[in-house]
C-alpha atoms as a PDB file:
ATOM      1  CA  GLN A   1     102.056 110.174  80.129  1.00  0.00           C
ATOM      2  CA  VAL A   2      99.249 112.426  81.253  1.00  0.00           C
ATOM      3  CA  GLN A   3      99.639 116.172  81.214  1.00  0.00           C
ATOM      4  CA  LEU A   4      98.001 118.389  83.804  1.00  0.00           C
ATOM      5  CA  VAL A   5      97.636 122.087  83.062  1.00  0.00           C
ATOM      6  CA  GLU A   6      96.543 124.528  85.753  1.00  0.00           C
ATOM      7  CA  SER A   7      95.037 127.935  85.124  1.00  0.00           C
ATOM      8  CA  GLY A   8      93.241 130.674  87.015  1.00  0.00           C
ATOM      9  CA  GLY A   9      95.909 131.893  89.399  1.00  0.00           C
ATOM     10  CA  GLY A  10      96.678 135.540  89.927  1.00  0.00           C
ATOM     11  CA  LEU A  11      96.813 138.452  92.325  1.00  0.00           C
ATOM     12  CA  VAL A  12      93.813 139.204  94.524  1.00  0.00           C
ATOM     13  CA  GLN A  13      93.132 141.274  97.614  1.00  0.00           C
ATOM     14  CA  ALA A  14      92.378 139.635 100.929  1.00  0.00           C
ATOM     15  CA  GLY A  15      88.737 138.618 101.084  1.00  0.00           C
ATOM     16  CA  GLY A  16      88.570 138.099  97.341  1.00  0.00           C
ATOM     17  CA  SER A  17      87.990 134.978  95.269  1.00  0.00           C
ATOM     18  CA  LEU A  18      89.742 132.970  92.582  1.00  0.00           C
ATOM     19  CA  ARG A  19      88.846 129.829  90.679  1.00  0.00           C
ATOM     20  CA  LEU A  20      91.568 127.429  89.636  1.00  0.00           C
ATOM     21  CA  SER A  21      91.176 124.850  86.899  1.00  0.00           C
ATOM     22  CA  CYS A  22      93.194 121.734  86.093  1.00  0.00           C
ATOM     23  CA  ALA A  23      92.755 120.017  82.749  1.00  0.00           C
ATOM     24  CA  ALA A  24      94.118 116.521  82.195  1.00  0.00           C
ATOM     25  CA  SER A  25      95.027 115.218  78.745  1.00  0.00           C
ATOM     26  CA  GLY A  26      96.851 112.264  77.286  1.00  0.00           C
ATOM     27  CA  ARG A  27      96.496 108.513  77.613  1.00  0.00           C
ATOM     28  CA  ILE A  28      93.727 108.286  80.210  1.00  0.00           C
ATOM     29  CA  PHE A  29      91.454 105.336  80.871  1.00  0.00           C
ATOM     30  CA  SER A  30      90.200 106.611  84.202  1.00  0.00           C
ATOM     31  CA  ILE A  31      91.207 109.155  86.807  1.00  0.00           C
ATOM     32  CA  ASN A  32      90.810 108.162  90.445  1.00  0.00           C
ATOM     33  CA  VAL A  33      91.809 110.743  92.999  1.00  0.00           C
ATOM     34  CA  MET A  34      92.593 114.304  91.971  1.00  0.00           C
ATOM     35  CA  GLY A  35      93.876 116.940  94.307  1.00  0.00           C
ATOM     36  CA  TRP A  36      95.210 120.416  94.843  1.00  0.00           C
ATOM     37  CA  TYR A  37      98.406 121.032  96.765  1.00  0.00           C
ATOM     38  CA  ARG A  38     100.257 124.246  97.486  1.00  0.00           C
ATOM     39  CA  GLN A  39     103.736 125.345  98.353  1.00  0.00           C
ATOM     40  CA  ALA A  40     104.577 128.693  99.900  1.00  0.00           C
ATOM     41  CA  PRO A  41     108.124 130.117  99.793  1.00  0.00           C
ATOM     42  CA  GLY A  42     110.347 128.342 102.291  1.00  0.00           C
ATOM     43  CA  LYS A  43     107.692 125.794 103.180  1.00  0.00           C
ATOM     44  CA  GLN A  44     106.937 122.206 102.237  1.00  0.00           C
ATOM     45  CA  ARG A  45     104.223 121.330  99.759  1.00  0.00           C
ATOM     46  CA  GLU A  46     100.950 120.702 101.572  1.00  0.00           C
ATOM     47  CA  LEU A  47      97.592 119.193 100.787  1.00  0.00           C
ATOM     48  CA  VAL A  48      94.765 121.622 100.084  1.00  0.00           C
ATOM     49  CA  ALA A  49      91.949 119.340  98.973  1.00  0.00           C
ATOM     50  CA  THR A  50      91.271 116.054  97.204  1.00  0.00           C
ATOM     51  CA  ILE A  51      88.310 114.580  95.361  1.00  0.00           C
ATOM     52  CA  THR A  52      87.630 111.006  94.246  1.00  0.00           C
ATOM     53  CA  GLY A  53      85.989 109.958  91.022  1.00  0.00           C
ATOM     54  CA  GLY A  54      82.768 109.475  92.951  1.00  0.00           C
ATOM     55  CA  GLY A  55      82.911 112.988  94.373  1.00  0.00           C
ATOM     56  CA  THR A  56      84.101 112.340  97.913  1.00  0.00           C
ATOM     57  CA  THR A  57      86.071 115.347  99.092  1.00  0.00           C
ATOM     58  CA  ASN A  58      88.693 116.014 101.725  1.00  0.00           C
ATOM     59  CA  TYR A  59      90.013 119.408 102.839  1.00  0.00           C
ATOM     60  CA  ALA A  60      92.858 120.756 104.898  1.00  0.00           C
ATOM     61  CA  ASP A  61      91.518 122.354 108.072  1.00  0.00           C
ATOM     62  CA  SER A  62      92.947 125.726 107.019  1.00  0.00           C
ATOM     63  CA  VAL A  63      90.712 125.938 103.937  1.00  0.00           C
ATOM     64  CA  LYS A  64      87.492 124.299 105.129  1.00  0.00           C
ATOM     65  CA  GLU A  65      84.409 126.478 104.671  1.00  0.00           C
ATOM     66  CA  ARG A  66      86.365 128.726 102.259  1.00  0.00           C
ATOM     67  CA  PHE A  67      87.508 126.480  99.386  1.00  0.00           C
ATOM     68  CA  THR A  68      85.428 124.081  97.308  1.00  0.00           C
ATOM     69  CA  ILE A  69      86.905 121.349  95.126  1.00  0.00           C
ATOM     70  CA  SER A  70      84.926 119.872  92.246  1.00  0.00           C
ATOM     71  CA  ARG A  71      85.482 117.957  89.030  1.00  0.00           C
ATOM     72  CA  ASP A  72      83.908 117.351  85.641  1.00  0.00           C
ATOM     73  CA  ASN A  73      84.690 113.713  84.892  1.00  0.00           C
ATOM     74  CA  PRO A  74      83.741 113.682  81.182  1.00  0.00           C
ATOM     75  CA  LYS A  75      86.063 116.658  80.645  1.00  0.00           C
ATOM     76  CA  ASN A  76      88.841 115.300  82.901  1.00  0.00           C
ATOM     77  CA  THR A  77      88.897 118.677  84.588  1.00  0.00           C
ATOM     78  CA  MET A  78      89.088 119.668  88.231  1.00  0.00           C
ATOM     79  CA  TYR A  79      88.355 123.002  89.866  1.00  0.00           C
ATOM     80  CA  LEU A  80      89.122 124.810  93.100  1.00  0.00           C
ATOM     81  CA  GLN A  81      86.845 127.672  94.062  1.00  0.00           C
ATOM     82  CA  MET A  82      88.671 129.795  96.619  1.00  0.00           C
ATOM     83  CA  ASN A  83      86.681 132.360  98.602  1.00  0.00           C
ATOM     84  CA  SER A  84      87.587 134.636 101.506  1.00  0.00           C
ATOM     85  CA  LEU A  85      91.235 134.448 100.522  1.00  0.00           C
ATOM     86  CA  ARG A  86      93.877 135.344 103.087  1.00  0.00           C
ATOM     87  CA  PRO A  87      97.497 136.436 102.682  1.00  0.00           C
ATOM     88  CA  GLU A  88      98.553 133.068 104.119  1.00  0.00           C
ATOM     89  CA  ASP A  89      96.921 131.376 101.122  1.00  0.00           C
ATOM     90  CA  THR A  90      99.686 132.830  98.941  1.00  0.00           C
ATOM     91  CA  ALA A  91     101.513 129.946  97.286  1.00  0.00           C
ATOM     92  CA  VAL A  92     102.063 128.050  94.078  1.00  0.00           C
ATOM     93  CA  TYR A  93      99.104 125.716  93.640  1.00  0.00           C
ATOM     94  CA  TYR A  94      99.692 122.340  92.022  1.00  0.00           C
ATOM     95  CA  CYS A  95      97.271 119.903  90.482  1.00  0.00           C
ATOM     96  CA  ASN A  96      97.757 116.182  91.122  1.00  0.00           C
ATOM     97  CA  ALA A  97      96.050 113.156  89.598  1.00  0.00           C
ATOM     98  CA  HIS A  98      96.149 109.381  90.045  1.00  0.00           C
ATOM     99  CA  TYR A  99      95.014 107.543  86.934  1.00  0.00           C
ATOM    100  CA  ARG A 100      94.943 104.344  84.911  1.00  0.00           C
ATOM    101  CA  THR A 101      95.907 104.139  81.267  1.00  0.00           C
ATOM    102  CA  ALA A 102      93.979 101.059  80.109  1.00  0.00           C
ATOM    103  CA  LEU A 103      91.160  98.719  81.101  1.00  0.00           C
ATOM    104  CA  HIS A 104      93.411  95.719  81.821  1.00  0.00           C
ATOM    105  CA  ASN A 105      96.298  97.724  83.313  1.00  0.00           C
ATOM    106  CA  PHE A 106      95.625  98.152  87.004  1.00  0.00           C
ATOM    107  CA  ARG A 107      98.781 100.083  87.742  1.00  0.00           C
ATOM    108  CA  ASP A 108      98.230 103.474  89.379  1.00  0.00           C
ATOM    109  CA  TYR A 109     100.080 106.330  87.726  1.00  0.00           C
ATOM    110  CA  GLU A 110     100.580 109.810  89.132  1.00  0.00           C
ATOM    111  CA  SER A 111     101.123 113.180  87.480  1.00  0.00           C
ATOM    112  CA  TRP A 112     101.696 116.728  88.663  1.00  0.00           C
ATOM    113  CA  GLY A 113     101.002 120.004  86.942  1.00  0.00           C
ATOM    114  CA  GLN A 114     103.519 122.815  86.637  1.00  0.00           C
ATOM    115  CA  GLY A 115     101.736 124.987  89.178  1.00  0.00           C
ATOM    116  CA  THR A 116      99.951 128.313  89.139  1.00  0.00           C
ATOM    117  CA  GLN A 117     100.813 131.245  91.385  1.00  0.00           C
ATOM    118  CA  VAL A 118      98.197 132.621  93.760  1.00  0.00           C
ATOM    119  CA  THR A 119      99.090 135.835  95.554  1.00  0.00           C
ATOM    120  CA  VAL A 120      96.809 137.409  98.142  1.00  0.00           C
ATOM    121  CA  SER A 121      97.624 140.947  99.203  1.00  0.00           C
ATOM    122  CA  SER A 122      96.664 142.350 102.592  1.00  0.00           C
END
């Protein structure tokens, strides 16, 4: 089992910035896709951004040009730099990872973090 721990959430005024981190630990051979998702009160969880092991990124239209996803593969850590934050960005942000546990085990496993609250005041 791989544990994902998010950090960096908090309260910020509209127009401000935050940087989220997600650290993965446990039985990891390799991590493929990592991603950030968010869930606002009364809404479904939605994709924010994903990044592959090779660095290919994908963003939700609502965060393009404002958020930047990145990762440090040797540290098994992923980041989300959030700029120009808006009240509608308020949500619990979750880290997600798809990984393998051994060289000869090709099964894809998935883990979620516990989430970190981001609140943007107007």
